[in-house]
């Protein structure tokens, strides 16, 4: 994605689109999503969270386990996934 500012013509086009009512937008060339497509859909495939470098002290046996079970992936990715699962579990309980 470019970090260049939008041109005047691009800004004008966006402003014109913003003024359109939903009913005035022609979606006839966009097919409806089928139940099968929804079934196969995957949430977050394009989402790339920002990574932040941190220093964390882990028990040696825990770190060794993740390194030995990485299975070709980075062990840090597996630790991040485990933490994400833990957070999601507790977010469900509280929200």
PDB file of N, CA and C in Angstrom:
ATOM      1  N   UNK A   1       0.843  -1.166   0.000  1.00  0.00           N
ATOM      2  CA  UNK A   1       0.000   0.000   0.000  1.00  0.00           C
ATOM      3  C   UNK A   1       0.892   1.234   0.000  1.00  0.00           C
ATOM      4  N   UNK A   2       0.544   2.196  -0.801  1.00  0.00           N
ATOM      5  CA  UNK A   2       1.363   3.394  -0.962  1.00  0.00           C
ATOM      6  C   UNK A   2       1.118   4.393   0.170  1.00  0.00           C
ATOM      7  N   UNK A   3       2.164   5.072   0.547  1.00  0.00           N
ATOM      8  CA  UNK A   3       2.050   6.121   1.560  1.00  0.00           C
ATOM      9  C   UNK A   3       1.950   7.500   0.933  1.00  0.00           C
ATOM     10  N   UNK A   4       1.883   7.530  -0.403  1.00  0.00           N
ATOM     11  CA  UNK A   4       1.787   8.825  -1.084  1.00  0.00           C
ATOM     12  C   UNK A   4       0.420   9.450  -0.832  1.00  0.00           C
ATOM     13  N   UNK A   5       0.382  10.765  -0.691  1.00  0.00           N
ATOM     14  CA  UNK A   5      -0.914  11.427  -0.501  1.00  0.00           C
ATOM     15  C   UNK A   5      -1.777  11.302  -1.759  1.00  0.00           C
ATOM     16  N   UNK A   6      -3.078  11.342  -1.557  1.00  0.00           N
ATOM     17  CA  UNK A   6      -4.009  11.260  -2.688  1.00  0.00           C
ATOM     18  C   UNK A   6      -3.937  12.535  -3.520  1.00  0.00           C
ATOM     19  N   UNK A   7      -4.150  12.357  -4.811  1.00  0.00           N
ATOM     20  CA  UNK A   7      -4.178  13.521  -5.697  1.00  0.00           C
ATOM     21  C   UNK A   7      -5.500  14.262  -5.520  1.00  0.00           C
ATOM     22  N   UNK A   8      -5.570  15.478  -6.037  1.00  0.00           N
ATOM     23  CA  UNK A   8      -6.807  16.256  -5.961  1.00  0.00           C
ATOM     24  C   UNK A   8      -7.956  15.531  -6.653  1.00  0.00           C
ATOM     25  N   UNK A   9      -7.682  14.899  -7.802  1.00  0.00           N
ATOM     26  CA  UNK A   9      -8.753  14.192  -8.512  1.00  0.00           C
ATOM     27  C   UNK A   9      -9.210  12.955  -7.725  1.00  0.00           C
ATOM     28  N   UNK A  10      -8.290  12.262  -7.053  1.00  0.00           N
ATOM     29  CA  UNK A  10      -8.666  11.114  -6.229  1.00  0.00           C
ATOM     30  C   UNK A  10      -9.518  11.561  -5.032  1.00  0.00           C
ATOM     31  N   UNK A  11      -9.123  12.661  -4.412  1.00  0.00           N
ATOM     32  CA  UNK A  11      -9.909  13.199  -3.298  1.00  0.00           C
ATOM     33  C   UNK A  11     -11.304  13.601  -3.751  1.00  0.00           C
ATOM     34  N   UNK A  12     -11.397  14.235  -4.927  1.00  0.00           N
ATOM     35  CA  UNK A  12     -12.695  14.642  -5.461  1.00  0.00           C
ATOM     36  C   UNK A  12     -13.574  13.428  -5.743  1.00  0.00           C
ATOM     37  N   UNK A  13     -12.980  12.369  -6.282  1.00  0.00           N
ATOM     38  CA  UNK A  13     -13.731  11.153  -6.568  1.00  0.00           C
ATOM     39  C   UNK A  13     -14.245  10.516  -5.274  1.00  0.00           C
ATOM     40  N   UNK A  14     -13.419  10.479  -4.261  1.00  0.00           N
ATOM     41  CA  UNK A  14     -13.847   9.927  -2.977  1.00  0.00           C
ATOM     42  C   UNK A  14     -14.964  10.754  -2.355  1.00  0.00           C
ATOM     43  N   UNK A  15     -14.865  12.048  -2.455  1.00  0.00           N
ATOM     44  CA  UNK A  15     -15.912  12.917  -1.909  1.00  0.00           C
ATOM     45  C   UNK A  15     -17.230  12.714  -2.649  1.00  0.00           C
ATOM     46  N   UNK A  16     -17.170  12.543  -3.973  1.00  0.00           N
ATOM     47  CA  UNK A  16     -18.383  12.295  -4.756  1.00  0.00           C
ATOM     48  C   UNK A  16     -19.007  10.953  -4.369  1.00  0.00           C
ATOM     49  N   UNK A  17     -18.171   9.939  -4.182  1.00  0.00           N
ATOM     50  CA  UNK A  17     -18.675   8.623  -3.778  1.00  0.00           C
ATOM     51  C   UNK A  17     -19.288   8.672  -2.387  1.00  0.00           C
ATOM     52  N   UNK A  18     -18.700   9.442  -1.516  1.00  0.00           N
ATOM     53  CA  UNK A  18     -19.194   9.550  -0.138  1.00  0.00           C
ATOM     54  C   UNK A  18     -20.598  10.153  -0.087  1.00  0.00           C
ATOM     55  N   UNK A  19     -20.917  10.985  -1.059  1.00  0.00           N
ATOM     56  CA  UNK A  19     -22.226  11.650  -1.082  1.00  0.00           C
ATOM     57  C   UNK A  19     -23.338  10.761  -1.635  1.00  0.00           C
ATOM     58  N   UNK A  20     -22.959   9.640  -2.289  1.00  0.00           N
ATOM     59  CA  UNK A  20     -23.976   8.750  -2.853  1.00  0.00           C
ATOM     60  C   UNK A  20     -24.746   8.039  -1.747  1.00  0.00           C
ATOM     61  N   UNK A  21     -26.064   7.906  -1.967  1.00  0.00           N
ATOM     62  CA  UNK A  21     -26.878   7.098  -1.066  1.00  0.00           C
ATOM     63  C   UNK A  21     -26.675   5.639  -1.438  1.00  0.00           C
ATOM     64  N   UNK A  22     -26.841   4.741  -0.481  1.00  0.00           N
ATOM     65  CA  UNK A  22     -26.674   3.312  -0.752  1.00  0.00           C
ATOM     66  C   UNK A  22     -27.563   2.851  -1.902  1.00  0.00           C
ATOM     67  N   UNK A  23     -28.786   3.363  -1.956  1.00  0.00           N
ATOM     68  CA  UNK A  23     -29.735   2.960  -3.004  1.00  0.00           C
ATOM     69  C   UNK A  23     -29.262   3.377  -4.394  1.00  0.00           C
ATOM     70  N   UNK A  24     -28.412   4.370  -4.471  1.00  0.00           N
ATOM     71  CA  UNK A  24     -27.951   4.879  -5.765  1.00  0.00           C
ATOM     72  C   UNK A  24     -26.707   4.163  -6.281  1.00  0.00           C
ATOM     73  N   UNK A  25     -26.185   3.218  -5.514  1.00  0.00           N
ATOM     74  CA  UNK A  25     -24.997   2.491  -5.942  1.00  0.00           C
ATOM     75  C   UNK A  25     -25.433   1.233  -6.680  1.00  0.00           C
ATOM     76  N   UNK A  26     -24.952   1.092  -7.915  1.00  0.00           N
ATOM     77  CA  UNK A  26     -25.304  -0.056  -8.752  1.00  0.00           C
ATOM     78  C   UNK A  26     -24.417  -1.238  -8.381  1.00  0.00           C
ATOM     79  N   UNK A  27     -25.015  -2.260  -7.785  1.00  0.00           N
ATOM     80  CA  UNK A  27     -24.268  -3.465  -7.419  1.00  0.00           C
ATOM     81  C   UNK A  27     -24.679  -4.659  -8.276  1.00  0.00           C
ATOM     82  N   UNK A  28     -25.311  -4.401  -9.406  1.00  0.00           N
ATOM     83  CA  UNK A  28     -25.829  -5.489 -10.241  1.00  0.00           C
ATOM     84  C   UNK A  28     -24.717  -6.373 -10.809  1.00  0.00           C
ATOM     85  N   UNK A  29     -23.504  -5.869 -10.903  1.00  0.00           N
ATOM     86  CA  UNK A  29     -22.412  -6.669 -11.446  1.00  0.00           C
ATOM     87  C   UNK A  29     -21.645  -7.429 -10.356  1.00  0.00           C
ATOM     88  N   UNK A  30     -22.140  -7.348  -9.130  1.00  0.00           N
ATOM     89  CA  UNK A  30     -21.497  -8.046  -8.016  1.00  0.00           C
ATOM     90  C   UNK A  30     -22.389  -9.221  -7.615  1.00  0.00           C
ATOM     91  N   UNK A  31     -21.911 -10.454  -7.817  1.00  0.00           N
ATOM     92  CA  UNK A  31     -22.759 -11.606  -7.479  1.00  0.00           C
ATOM     93  C   UNK A  31     -22.938 -11.740  -5.970  1.00  0.00           C
ATOM     94  N   UNK A  32     -24.068 -12.286  -5.574  1.00  0.00           N
ATOM     95  CA  UNK A  32     -24.329 -12.545  -4.167  1.00  0.00           C
ATOM     96  C   UNK A  32     -23.400 -13.661  -3.680  1.00  0.00           C
ATOM     97  N   UNK A  33     -23.013 -13.592  -2.436  1.00  0.00           N
ATOM     98  CA  UNK A  33     -22.193 -14.641  -1.828  1.00  0.00           C
ATOM     99  C   UNK A  33     -23.097 -15.839  -1.533  1.00  0.00           C
ATOM    100  N   UNK A  34     -22.640 -17.020  -1.940  1.00  0.00           N
ATOM    101  CA  UNK A  34     -23.432 -18.230  -1.705  1.00  0.00           C
ATOM    102  C   UNK A  34     -23.146 -18.785  -0.305  1.00  0.00           C
ATOM    103  N   UNK A  35     -24.030 -19.658   0.157  1.00  0.00           N
ATOM    104  CA  UNK A  35     -23.814 -20.319   1.452  1.00  0.00           C
ATOM    105  C   UNK A  35     -22.505 -21.109   1.448  1.00  0.00           C
ATOM    106  N   UNK A  36     -22.184 -21.716   0.306  1.00  0.00           N
ATOM    107  CA  UNK A  36     -20.941 -22.482   0.192  1.00  0.00           C
ATOM    108  C   UNK A  36     -19.720 -21.564   0.333  1.00  0.00           C
ATOM    109  N   UNK A  37     -19.773 -20.381  -0.264  1.00  0.00           N
ATOM    110  CA  UNK A  37     -18.663 -19.444  -0.131  1.00  0.00           C
ATOM    111  C   UNK A  37     -18.500 -18.987   1.321  1.00  0.00           C
ATOM    112  N   UNK A  38     -19.607 -18.749   2.008  1.00  0.00           N
ATOM    113  CA  UNK A  38     -19.526 -18.376   3.417  1.00  0.00           C
ATOM    114  C   UNK A  38     -18.950 -19.516   4.243  1.00  0.00           C
ATOM    115  N   UNK A  39     -19.321 -20.752   3.886  1.00  0.00           N
ATOM    116  CA  UNK A  39     -18.822 -21.910   4.618  1.00  0.00           C
ATOM    117  C   UNK A  39     -17.308 -22.039   4.491  1.00  0.00           C
ATOM    118  N   UNK A  40     -16.787 -21.703   3.324  1.00  0.00           N
ATOM    119  CA  UNK A  40     -15.343 -21.826   3.065  1.00  0.00           C
ATOM    120  C   UNK A  40     -14.552 -20.583   3.468  1.00  0.00           C
ATOM    121  N   UNK A  41     -15.253 -19.536   3.862  1.00  0.00           N
ATOM    122  CA  UNK A  41     -14.578 -18.280   4.199  1.00  0.00           C
ATOM    123  C   UNK A  41     -13.681 -18.464   5.412  1.00  0.00           C
ATOM    124  N   UNK A  42     -12.589 -17.754   5.421  1.00  0.00           N
ATOM    125  CA  UNK A  42     -11.652 -17.788   6.540  1.00  0.00           C
ATOM    126  C   UNK A  42     -11.482 -16.387   7.077  1.00  0.00           C
ATOM    127  N   UNK A  43     -11.687 -16.242   8.365  1.00  0.00           N
ATOM    128  CA  UNK A  43     -11.596 -14.941   9.010  1.00  0.00           C
ATOM    129  C   UNK A  43     -10.134 -14.541   9.206  1.00  0.00           C
ATOM    130  N   UNK A  44      -9.828 -13.328   8.840  1.00  0.00           N
ATOM    131  CA  UNK A  44      -8.530 -12.753   9.156  1.00  0.00           C
ATOM    132  C   UNK A  44      -7.373 -13.185   8.283  1.00  0.00           C
ATOM    133  N   UNK A  45      -7.627 -13.796   7.113  1.00  0.00           N
ATOM    134  CA  UNK A  45      -6.525 -14.226   6.260  1.00  0.00           C
ATOM    135  C   UNK A  45      -5.647 -13.071   5.796  1.00  0.00           C
ATOM    136  N   UNK A  46      -6.207 -11.905   5.656  1.00  0.00           N
ATOM    137  CA  UNK A  46      -5.431 -10.769   5.168  1.00  0.00           C
ATOM    138  C   UNK A  46      -4.953  -9.869   6.300  1.00  0.00           C
ATOM    139  N   UNK A  47      -5.367 -10.180   7.503  1.00  0.00           N
ATOM    140  CA  UNK A  47      -5.001  -9.357   8.646  1.00  0.00           C
ATOM    141  C   UNK A  47      -3.574  -9.663   9.074  1.00  0.00           C
ATOM    142  N   UNK A  48      -2.759  -8.657   9.168  1.00  0.00           N
ATOM    143  CA  UNK A  48      -1.390  -8.804   9.629  1.00  0.00           C
ATOM    144  C   UNK A  48      -1.179  -7.846  10.799  1.00  0.00           C
ATOM    145  N   UNK A  49      -1.266  -8.364  12.022  1.00  0.00           N
ATOM    146  CA  UNK A  49      -1.099  -7.473  13.163  1.00  0.00           C
ATOM    147  C   UNK A  49       0.316  -6.915  13.222  1.00  0.00           C
ATOM    148  N   UNK A  50       0.441  -5.739  13.769  1.00  0.00           N
ATOM    149  CA  UNK A  50       1.761  -5.160  13.951  1.00  0.00           C
ATOM    150  C   UNK A  50       2.505  -5.963  14.998  1.00  0.00           C
ATOM    151  N   UNK A  51       3.748  -6.214  14.732  1.00  0.00           N
ATOM    152  CA  UNK A  51       4.582  -6.946  15.683  1.00  0.00           C
ATOM    153  C   UNK A  51       5.421  -5.935  16.466  1.00  0.00           C
ATOM    154  N   UNK A  52       5.645  -6.241  17.705  1.00  0.00           N
ATOM    155  CA  UNK A  52       6.452  -5.386  18.552  1.00  0.00           C
ATOM    156  C   UNK A  52       7.513  -6.255  19.212  1.00  0.00           C
ATOM    157  N   UNK A  53       8.750  -5.840  19.106  1.00  0.00           N
ATOM    158  CA  UNK A  53       9.841  -6.580  19.713  1.00  0.00           C
ATOM    159  C   UNK A  53       9.845  -6.331  21.219  1.00  0.00           C
ATOM    160  N   UNK A  54       9.893  -7.418  21.994  1.00  0.00           N
ATOM    161  CA  UNK A  54       9.922  -7.310  23.450  1.00  0.00           C
ATOM    162  C   UNK A  54      10.959  -8.284  24.002  1.00  0.00           C
ATOM    163  N   UNK A  55      11.353  -8.031  25.205  1.00  0.00           N
ATOM    164  CA  UNK A  55      12.196  -8.983  25.932  1.00  0.00           C
ATOM    165  C   UNK A  55      11.326  -9.597  27.014  1.00  0.00           C
ATOM    166  N   UNK A  56      11.298 -10.919  27.034  1.00  0.00           N
ATOM    167  CA  UNK A  56      10.463 -11.612  28.008  1.00  0.00           C
ATOM    168  C   UNK A  56      11.269 -12.778  28.577  1.00  0.00           C
ATOM    169  N   UNK A  57      11.143 -12.996  29.846  1.00  0.00           N
ATOM    170  CA  UNK A  57      11.851 -14.099  30.489  1.00  0.00           C
ATOM    171  C   UNK A  57      10.875 -15.269  30.626  1.00  0.00           C
ATOM    172  N   UNK A  58      11.250 -16.390  30.018  1.00  0.00           N
ATOM    173  CA  UNK A  58      10.428 -17.596  30.054  1.00  0.00           C
ATOM    174  C   UNK A  58      11.210 -18.697  30.752  1.00  0.00           C
ATOM    175  N   UNK A  59      10.487 -19.606  31.381  1.00  0.00           N
ATOM    176  CA  UNK A  59      11.147 -20.763  31.964  1.00  0.00           C
ATOM    177  C   UNK A  59      11.843 -21.543  30.850  1.00  0.00           C
ATOM    178  N   UNK A  60      13.048 -22.043  31.143  1.00  0.00           N
ATOM    179  CA  UNK A  60      13.852 -22.728  30.133  1.00  0.00           C
ATOM    180  C   UNK A  60      13.128 -23.925  29.535  1.00  0.00           C
ATOM    181  N   UNK A  61      12.415 -24.684  30.354  1.00  0.00           N
ATOM    182  CA  UNK A  61      11.723 -25.871  29.832  1.00  0.00           C
ATOM    183  C   UNK A  61      10.596 -25.488  28.883  1.00  0.00           C
ATOM    184  N   UNK A  62       9.929 -24.377  29.156  1.00  0.00           N
ATOM    185  CA  UNK A  62       8.855 -23.903  28.267  1.00  0.00           C
ATOM    186  C   UNK A  62       9.449 -23.493  26.923  1.00  0.00           C
ATOM    187  N   UNK A  63      10.513 -22.725  26.960  1.00  0.00           N
ATOM    188  CA  UNK A  63      11.161 -22.284  25.732  1.00  0.00           C
ATOM    189  C   UNK A  63      11.692 -23.479  24.939  1.00  0.00           C
ATOM    190  N   UNK A  64      12.308 -24.435  25.618  1.00  0.00           N
ATOM    191  CA  UNK A  64      12.802 -25.640  24.941  1.00  0.00           C
ATOM    192  C   UNK A  64      11.671 -26.408  24.273  1.00  0.00           C
ATOM    193  N   UNK A  65      10.527 -26.490  24.968  1.00  0.00           N
ATOM    194  CA  UNK A  65       9.385 -27.208  24.387  1.00  0.00           C
ATOM    195  C   UNK A  65       8.932 -26.542  23.095  1.00  0.00           C
ATOM    196  N   UNK A  66       8.763 -25.227  23.123  1.00  0.00           N
ATOM    197  CA  UNK A  66       8.320 -24.523  21.908  1.00  0.00           C
ATOM    198  C   UNK A  66       9.340 -24.674  20.782  1.00  0.00           C
ATOM    199  N   UNK A  67      10.618 -24.583  21.096  1.00  0.00           N
ATOM    200  CA  UNK A  67      11.653 -24.727  20.068  1.00  0.00           C
ATOM    201  C   UNK A  67      11.639 -26.128  19.470  1.00  0.00           C
ATOM    202  N   UNK A  68      11.447 -27.138  20.307  1.00  0.00           N
ATOM    203  CA  UNK A  68      11.480 -28.519  19.809  1.00  0.00           C
ATOM    204  C   UNK A  68      10.201 -28.915  19.075  1.00  0.00           C
ATOM    205  N   UNK A  69       9.115 -28.185  19.287  1.00  0.00           N
ATOM    206  CA  UNK A  69       7.837 -28.506  18.642  1.00  0.00           C
ATOM    207  C   UNK A  69       7.453 -27.504  17.541  1.00  0.00           C
ATOM    208  N   UNK A  70       8.388 -26.696  17.118  1.00  0.00           N
ATOM    209  CA  UNK A  70       8.071 -25.655  16.127  1.00  0.00           C
ATOM    210  C   UNK A  70       7.666 -26.249  14.785  1.00  0.00           C
ATOM    211  N   UNK A  71       8.124 -27.413  14.447  1.00  0.00           N
ATOM    212  CA  UNK A  71       7.691 -28.077  13.219  1.00  0.00           C
ATOM    213  C   UNK A  71       7.955 -27.280  11.955  1.00  0.00           C
ATOM    214  N   UNK A  72       9.113 -26.664  11.852  1.00  0.00           N
ATOM    215  CA  UNK A  72       9.455 -25.907  10.652  1.00  0.00           C
ATOM    216  C   UNK A  72       9.038 -24.451  10.704  1.00  0.00           C
ATOM    217  N   UNK A  73       8.166 -24.120  11.620  1.00  0.00           N
ATOM    218  CA  UNK A  73       7.775 -22.721  11.799  1.00  0.00           C
ATOM    219  C   UNK A  73       8.689 -22.121  12.859  1.00  0.00           C
ATOM    220  N   UNK A  74       8.641 -20.845  13.021  1.00  0.00           N
ATOM    221  CA  UNK A  74       9.393 -20.209  14.083  1.00  0.00           C
ATOM    222  C   UNK A  74       8.732 -20.469  15.427  1.00  0.00           C
ATOM    223  N   UNK A  75       9.535 -20.765  16.420  1.00  0.00           N
ATOM    224  CA  UNK A  75       8.972 -21.031  17.745  1.00  0.00           C
ATOM    225  C   UNK A  75       8.293 -19.789  18.313  1.00  0.00           C
ATOM    226  N   UNK A  76       8.779 -18.602  17.922  1.00  0.00           N
ATOM    227  CA  UNK A  76       8.145 -17.380  18.417  1.00  0.00           C
ATOM    228  C   UNK A  76       6.724 -17.246  17.877  1.00  0.00           C
ATOM    229  N   UNK A  77       6.511 -17.692  16.645  1.00  0.00           N
ATOM    230  CA  UNK A  77       5.171 -17.687  16.055  1.00  0.00           C
ATOM    231  C   UNK A  77       4.240 -18.593  16.857  1.00  0.00           C
ATOM    232  N   UNK A  78       4.753 -19.748  17.277  1.00  0.00           N
ATOM    233  CA  UNK A  78       3.945 -20.674  18.074  1.00  0.00           C
ATOM    234  C   UNK A  78       3.636 -20.100  19.457  1.00  0.00           C
ATOM    235  N   UNK A  79       4.605 -19.432  20.065  1.00  0.00           N
ATOM    236  CA  UNK A  79       4.361 -18.798  21.362  1.00  0.00           C
ATOM    237  C   UNK A  79       3.297 -17.707  21.199  1.00  0.00           C
ATOM    238  N   UNK A  80       3.400 -16.912  20.135  1.00  0.00           N
ATOM    239  CA  UNK A  80       2.409 -15.866  19.879  1.00  0.00           C
ATOM    240  C   UNK A  80       1.019 -16.466  19.698  1.00  0.00           C
ATOM    241  N   UNK A  81       0.950 -17.582  18.964  1.00  0.00           N
ATOM    242  CA  UNK A  81      -0.339 -18.249  18.736  1.00  0.00           C
ATOM    243  C   UNK A  81      -0.935 -18.757  20.046  1.00  0.00           C
ATOM    244  N   UNK A  82      -0.089 -19.330  20.898  1.00  0.00           N
ATOM    245  CA  UNK A  82      -0.572 -19.825  22.197  1.00  0.00           C
ATOM    246  C   UNK A  82      -1.093 -18.670  23.051  1.00  0.00           C
ATOM    247  N   UNK A  83      -0.379 -17.562  23.030  1.00  0.00           N
ATOM    248  CA  UNK A  83      -0.829 -16.394  23.794  1.00  0.00           C
ATOM    249  C   UNK A  83      -2.133 -15.840  23.227  1.00  0.00           C
ATOM    250  N   UNK A  84      -2.255 -15.812  21.891  1.00  0.00           N
ATOM    251  CA  UNK A  84      -3.480 -15.317  21.256  1.00  0.00           C
ATOM    252  C   UNK A  84      -4.674 -16.193  21.626  1.00  0.00           C
ATOM    253  N   UNK A  85      -4.485 -17.508  21.644  1.00  0.00           N
ATOM    254  CA  UNK A  85      -5.545 -18.441  22.042  1.00  0.00           C
ATOM    255  C   UNK A  85      -5.955 -18.196  23.486  1.00  0.00           C
ATOM    256  N   UNK A  86      -4.982 -17.993  24.347  1.00  0.00           N
ATOM    257  CA  UNK A  86      -5.259 -17.717  25.757  1.00  0.00           C
ATOM    258  C   UNK A  86      -6.071 -16.430  25.918  1.00  0.00           C
ATOM    259  N   UNK A  87      -5.660 -15.386  25.202  1.00  0.00           N
ATOM    260  CA  UNK A  87      -6.379 -14.103  25.275  1.00  0.00           C
ATOM    261  C   UNK A  87      -7.812 -14.269  24.765  1.00  0.00           C
ATOM    262  N   UNK A  88      -7.994 -14.946  23.643  1.00  0.00           N
ATOM    263  CA  UNK A  88      -9.332 -15.138  23.070  1.00  0.00           C
ATOM    264  C   UNK A  88     -10.235 -15.901  24.038  1.00  0.00           C
ATOM    265  N   UNK A  89      -9.675 -16.892  24.708  1.00  0.00           N
ATOM    266  CA  UNK A  89     -10.445 -17.677  25.689  1.00  0.00           C
ATOM    267  C   UNK A  89     -10.974 -16.781  26.810  1.00  0.00           C
ATOM    268  N   UNK A  90     -10.152 -15.911  27.322  1.00  0.00           N
ATOM    269  CA  UNK A  90     -10.566 -15.056  28.413  1.00  0.00           C
ATOM    270  C   UNK A  90     -11.419 -13.877  27.963  1.00  0.00           C
ATOM    271  N   UNK A  91     -11.256 -13.458  26.699  1.00  0.00           N
ATOM    272  CA  UNK A  91     -12.133 -12.418  26.176  1.00  0.00           C
ATOM    273  C   UNK A  91     -13.547 -12.946  26.040  1.00  0.00           C
ATOM    274  N   UNK A  92     -13.697 -14.215  25.647  1.00  0.00           N
ATOM    275  CA  UNK A  92     -15.026 -14.824  25.545  1.00  0.00           C
ATOM    276  C   UNK A  92     -15.721 -14.857  26.898  1.00  0.00           C
ATOM    277  N   UNK A  93     -14.972 -15.189  27.928  1.00  0.00           N
ATOM    278  CA  UNK A  93     -15.553 -15.280  29.270  1.00  0.00           C
ATOM    279  C   UNK A  93     -16.022 -13.927  29.784  1.00  0.00           C
ATOM    280  N   UNK A  94     -15.261 -12.886  29.486  1.00  0.00           N
ATOM    281  CA  UNK A  94     -15.575 -11.576  30.059  1.00  0.00           C
ATOM    282  C   UNK A  94     -16.426 -10.727  29.125  1.00  0.00           C
ATOM    283  N   UNK A  95     -16.593 -11.120  27.896  1.00  0.00           N
ATOM    284  CA  UNK A  95     -17.318 -10.250  26.988  1.00  0.00           C
ATOM    285  C   UNK A  95     -18.401 -10.937  26.330  1.00  0.00           C
TER     286      UNK A  95
END
